[in-house]
């Protein structure tokens, strides 16, 4: 009986794994993965440019010193070692940041913060329970539009500040606190009868709603600004009243001249 139960549980687990993989092939998960790959490739490209710049600076300095005073074989070897060490340091720092995708920091601009948050929640998604993953997926749907509107707003704008606190402090803090809880304690209920998993899902849902409200509010401001600009142009440069054509005026004049008098 135990063996049959184990087989059934393994079959159910395998089915859930397959369906989850099928779901992740499309929709917001695939979009988030594509954006994350693009950011990773861009980060690697920037790292390679930094490495090239460091190498050029080191060897230009070596050439200048060599022209002033021969450096010899030991100087050449020292330049090679310095180049290798500097390149390794740049690669380590850039690669670690690109691969780990840490939570956004408070000093990032609005657009960069949305991108970093997008990478962060995509990387953290797999360690969360299925209901929390669903909330993450819904959150990733609104991030492209949020970035488009938020990056045009000043950092100190009150609406932008609310979104920035959510992405850099509150939501990453919620996920990190959940990850610290041992799995054996995540199904225990608190004083309100809710588990750790349920608290996580509720917090993510509230954060998703708040970010969606910010995105909608900023988008409506853009729509209102466009409407105001359109009305101004229409009132200032709109079509003038239609005047009678010269031919029509002349024709009417001739008709009046040729009419018989009584």
Protein backbone atom coordinates (compact mmCIF):
# COMPACT_ATOMS: atom_id res chain seq x y z
CA UNK A 1 0.00 0.00 0.00
CA UNK A 2 2.82 2.38 0.87
CA UNK A 3 4.56 1.57 -2.41
CA UNK A 4 1.40 2.40 -4.38
CA UNK A 5 1.00 5.67 -2.50
CA UNK A 6 4.60 6.60 -3.25
CA UNK A 7 4.10 5.89 -6.94
CA UNK A 8 0.96 8.03 -7.01
CA UNK A 9 2.73 10.90 -5.26
CA UNK A 10 5.67 10.68 -7.65
CA UNK A 11 3.30 10.67 -10.63
CA UNK A 12 1.46 13.73 -9.30
CA UNK A 13 4.73 15.54 -8.65
CA UNK A 14 5.95 14.70 -12.17
CA UNK A 15 2.67 15.91 -13.67
CA UNK A 16 2.85 19.18 -11.74
CA UNK A 17 6.45 19.68 -12.83
CA UNK A 18 5.60 19.11 -16.49
CA UNK A 19 2.56 21.40 -16.41
CA UNK A 20 4.58 24.09 -14.68
CA UNK A 21 7.24 23.87 -17.37
CA UNK A 22 4.59 24.09 -20.07
CA UNK A 23 3.07 27.14 -18.43
CA UNK A 24 6.46 28.80 -18.22
CA UNK A 25 7.04 28.45 -21.98
CA UNK A 26 4.69 31.30 -22.69
CA UNK A 27 3.11 34.30 -21.08
CA UNK A 28 4.72 36.61 -18.53
CA UNK A 29 7.39 34.10 -17.48
CA UNK A 30 8.75 33.85 -21.02
CA UNK A 31 8.65 37.63 -21.39
CA UNK A 32 10.47 38.10 -18.08
CA UNK A 33 13.10 35.53 -19.12
CA UNK A 34 13.64 37.32 -22.43
CA UNK A 35 14.07 40.67 -20.71
CA UNK A 36 16.46 39.12 -18.20
CA UNK A 37 18.58 37.63 -21.00
CA UNK A 38 18.71 40.99 -22.74
CA UNK A 39 19.86 42.69 -19.54
CA UNK A 40 22.42 39.95 -18.93
CA UNK A 41 23.84 40.31 -22.44
CA UNK A 42 23.96 44.09 -22.07
CA UNK A 43 25.74 43.75 -18.73
CA UNK A 44 28.31 41.38 -20.18
CA UNK A 45 28.88 43.78 -23.07
CA UNK A 46 29.51 46.65 -20.65
CA UNK A 47 31.91 44.47 -18.67
CA UNK A 48 33.90 43.60 -21.78
CA UNK A 49 34.13 47.29 -22.70
CA UNK A 50 35.45 48.08 -19.22
CA UNK A 51 38.03 45.31 -19.52
CA UNK A 52 39.15 46.67 -22.89
CA UNK A 53 39.42 50.17 -21.47
CA UNK A 54 41.51 48.95 -18.51
CA UNK A 55 43.85 47.00 -20.80
CA UNK A 56 44.31 50.00 -23.10
CA UNK A 57 45.10 52.32 -20.18
CA UNK A 58 47.62 49.90 -18.64
CA UNK A 59 49.48 49.30 -21.88
CA UNK A 60 49.48 52.95 -22.88
CA UNK A 61 51.07 53.70 -19.53
CA UNK A 62 53.56 50.87 -20.11
CA UNK A 63 54.49 52.22 -23.53
CA UNK A 64 54.96 55.75 -22.19
CA UNK A 65 57.16 54.50 -19.35
CA UNK A 66 59.10 52.30 -21.78
CA UNK A 67 59.79 55.27 -24.06
CA UNK A 68 61.15 57.26 -21.13
CA UNK A 69 63.09 54.40 -19.59
CA UNK A 70 63.47 50.79 -20.77
CA UNK A 71 61.38 48.51 -18.58
CA UNK A 72 63.09 45.27 -19.53
CA UNK A 73 61.70 41.74 -19.25
CA UNK A 74 60.65 42.14 -15.61
CA UNK A 75 58.74 45.32 -16.39
CA UNK A 76 56.96 43.60 -19.27
CA UNK A 77 56.01 40.67 -17.03
CA UNK A 78 54.81 43.10 -14.35
CA UNK A 79 52.57 44.83 -16.92
CA UNK A 80 51.13 41.46 -17.92
CA UNK A 81 50.39 40.55 -14.31
CA UNK A 82 48.79 43.93 -13.63
CA UNK A 83 46.67 43.59 -16.77
CA UNK A 84 45.50 40.10 -15.83
CA UNK A 85 44.69 41.12 -12.25
CA UNK A 86 42.79 44.25 -13.29
CA UNK A 87 40.82 42.39 -15.98
CA UNK A 88 39.94 39.62 -13.53
CA UNK A 89 38.73 42.17 -10.97
CA UNK A 90 36.53 43.97 -13.50
CA UNK A 91 35.09 40.68 -14.79
CA UNK A 92 34.43 39.40 -11.27
CA UNK A 93 32.62 42.54 -10.20
CA UNK A 94 30.56 42.88 -13.37
CA UNK A 95 29.79 39.17 -13.70
CA UNK A 96 28.77 38.80 -10.07
CA UNK A 97 26.30 41.67 -10.33
CA UNK A 98 24.86 40.41 -13.64
CA UNK A 99 24.43 36.82 -12.45
CA UNK A 100 23.22 37.38 -8.92
CA UNK A 101 20.71 40.15 -9.84
CA UNK A 102 20.54 41.70 -6.36
CA UNK A 103 17.61 43.75 -5.16
CA UNK A 104 17.49 47.36 -6.40
CA UNK A 105 19.37 49.96 -4.41
CA UNK A 106 17.89 53.32 -3.47
CA UNK A 107 20.39 55.30 -5.55
CA UNK A 108 19.30 53.90 -8.92
CA UNK A 109 17.35 56.06 -11.41
CA UNK A 110 13.71 55.20 -11.93
CA UNK A 111 14.11 53.25 -15.17
CA UNK A 112 17.16 51.32 -13.96
CA UNK A 113 15.38 50.49 -10.71
CA UNK A 114 12.43 48.92 -12.57
CA UNK A 115 14.84 46.84 -14.67
CA UNK A 116 16.79 45.66 -11.62
CA UNK A 117 13.56 44.81 -9.79
CA UNK A 118 12.34 42.88 -12.84
CA UNK A 119 15.50 40.76 -12.80
CA UNK A 120 15.36 40.34 -9.03
CA UNK A 121 11.83 38.96 -8.85
CA UNK A 122 12.40 36.76 -11.90
CA UNK A 123 15.46 35.17 -10.22
CA UNK A 124 13.65 34.86 -6.86
CA UNK A 125 10.52 33.35 -8.42
CA UNK A 126 11.64 29.72 -8.46
CA UNK A 127 12.20 29.58 -4.70
CA UNK A 128 8.62 30.69 -3.96
CA UNK A 129 5.44 28.58 -3.70
CA UNK A 130 3.10 28.32 -6.68
CA UNK A 131 0.54 30.93 -5.50
CA UNK A 132 3.36 33.41 -4.91
CA UNK A 133 4.77 32.65 -8.37
CA UNK A 134 1.38 33.52 -9.85
CA UNK A 135 1.49 36.91 -8.13
CA UNK A 136 5.05 37.45 -9.38
CA UNK A 137 3.92 36.63 -12.93
CA UNK A 138 1.12 39.18 -12.73
CA UNK A 139 3.58 41.72 -11.36
CA UNK A 140 5.97 41.21 -14.26
CA UNK A 141 3.15 42.01 -16.70
CA UNK A 142 2.93 45.61 -15.53
CA UNK A 143 6.66 46.33 -15.19
CA UNK A 144 7.34 47.24 -18.86
CA UNK A 145 4.56 49.86 -18.83
CA UNK A 146 5.66 51.05 -15.38
CA UNK A 147 9.22 51.54 -16.60
CA UNK A 148 8.05 53.46 -19.67
CA UNK A 149 6.07 55.93 -17.55
CA UNK A 150 8.27 56.04 -14.46
CA UNK A 151 11.55 56.81 -16.22
CA UNK A 152 10.10 60.13 -17.43
CA UNK A 153 9.21 61.20 -13.89
CA UNK A 154 11.54 62.91 -11.45
CA UNK A 155 12.99 60.70 -8.72
CA UNK A 156 11.57 62.91 -5.96
CA UNK A 157 8.04 62.82 -7.37
CA UNK A 158 5.70 61.50 -4.61
CA UNK A 159 4.18 58.88 -6.90
CA UNK A 160 7.61 57.73 -8.01
CA UNK A 161 8.77 57.57 -4.40
CA UNK A 162 5.97 55.15 -3.50
CA UNK A 163 6.93 52.82 -6.35
CA UNK A 164 10.64 53.12 -5.53
CA UNK A 165 10.10 52.16 -1.89
CA UNK A 166 8.07 49.13 -2.95
CA UNK A 167 10.71 47.92 -5.42
CA UNK A 168 13.83 48.64 -3.37
CA UNK A 169 12.70 48.04 0.24
CA UNK A 170 9.30 46.54 0.94
CA UNK A 171 8.89 43.78 -1.68
CA UNK A 172 12.53 42.57 -1.59
CA UNK A 173 12.35 42.63 2.20
CA UNK A 174 9.20 40.50 2.12
CA UNK A 175 10.82 37.91 -0.16
CA UNK A 176 14.06 37.82 1.83
CA UNK A 177 12.23 37.37 5.13
CA UNK A 178 10.25 34.51 3.61
CA UNK A 179 13.43 32.82 2.41
CA UNK A 180 14.86 33.00 5.95
CA UNK A 181 11.96 30.98 7.38
CA UNK A 182 12.84 27.25 7.46
CA UNK A 183 10.50 25.21 5.21
CA UNK A 184 9.31 23.18 8.20
CA UNK A 185 7.77 26.32 9.75
CA UNK A 186 6.13 27.81 6.67
CA UNK A 187 2.83 25.99 7.18
CA UNK A 188 2.43 26.94 10.82
CA UNK A 189 -0.43 29.38 11.44
CA UNK A 190 0.01 32.66 13.26
CA UNK A 191 -2.39 34.45 15.58
CA UNK A 192 -4.71 35.29 12.68
CA UNK A 193 -4.73 31.73 11.38
CA UNK A 194 -2.54 32.41 8.34
CA UNK A 195 0.57 30.56 7.23
CA UNK A 196 3.86 32.07 6.14
CA UNK A 197 3.03 31.18 2.53
CA UNK A 198 -0.31 32.95 2.78
CA UNK A 199 1.32 36.04 4.26
CA UNK A 200 3.79 36.08 1.38
CA UNK A 201 1.05 35.82 -1.23
CA UNK A 202 -0.99 38.58 0.41
CA UNK A 203 2.02 40.88 0.57
CA UNK A 204 2.92 40.26 -3.07
CA UNK A 205 -0.68 40.83 -4.14
CA UNK A 206 -0.80 44.15 -2.28
CA UNK A 207 2.51 45.23 -3.81
CA UNK A 208 1.32 44.23 -7.28
CA UNK A 209 -1.85 46.29 -6.86
CA UNK A 210 0.10 49.30 -5.65
CA UNK A 211 2.51 49.17 -8.59
CA UNK A 212 -0.40 48.79 -11.00
CA UNK A 213 -2.07 51.85 -9.46
CA UNK A 214 1.13 53.88 -9.85
CA UNK A 215 1.47 52.81 -13.49
CA UNK A 216 -2.15 53.66 -14.23
CA UNK A 217 -1.91 57.02 -12.47
CA UNK A 218 1.18 58.05 -14.43
CA UNK A 219 -0.33 56.83 -17.70
CA UNK A 220 -3.50 58.86 -17.07
CA UNK A 221 -1.38 61.94 -16.44
CA UNK A 222 0.25 61.41 -19.84
CA UNK A 223 -3.17 60.99 -21.46
CA UNK A 224 -4.44 64.19 -19.81
CA UNK A 225 -1.33 66.09 -20.92
CA UNK A 226 -1.82 64.88 -24.50
CA UNK A 227 -5.47 65.89 -24.42
CA UNK A 228 -4.60 69.37 -23.14
CA UNK A 229 -1.90 69.83 -25.78
CA UNK A 230 -4.25 68.66 -28.52
CA UNK A 231 -6.98 71.08 -27.46
CA UNK A 232 -4.51 73.96 -27.33
CA UNK A 233 -3.24 73.25 -30.87
CA UNK A 234 -6.77 72.89 -32.15
CA UNK A 235 -7.88 76.19 -30.60
CA UNK A 236 -4.73 78.04 -31.64
CA UNK A 237 -4.14 76.66 -35.10
CA UNK A 238 -7.51 75.20 -36.02
CA UNK A 239 -9.10 75.57 -39.47
CA UNK A 240 -10.39 79.15 -40.11
CA UNK A 241 -13.95 79.77 -41.14
CA UNK A 242 -14.61 78.90 -44.81
CA UNK A 243 -14.79 82.03 -46.99
CA UNK A 244 -16.61 82.21 -50.36
CA UNK A 245 -14.32 81.60 -53.31
CA UNK A 246 -13.53 84.51 -55.67
CA UNK A 247 -15.21 82.74 -58.58
CA UNK A 248 -18.37 82.33 -56.63
CA UNK A 249 -18.34 85.96 -55.60
CA UNK A 250 -17.79 87.14 -59.18
CA UNK A 251 -20.52 84.89 -60.48
CA UNK A 252 -22.95 86.19 -57.95
CA UNK A 253 -21.97 89.76 -58.86
CA UNK A 254 -22.48 89.13 -62.61
CA UNK A 255 -25.85 87.53 -61.95
CA UNK A 256 -26.93 90.56 -60.00
CA UNK A 257 -25.75 92.92 -62.78
CA UNK A 258 -27.46 90.97 -65.52
CA UNK A 259 -30.79 90.71 -63.72
CA UNK A 260 -33.56 92.85 -65.30
CA UNK A 261 -34.71 95.86 -63.39
CA UNK A 262 -38.36 96.53 -62.79
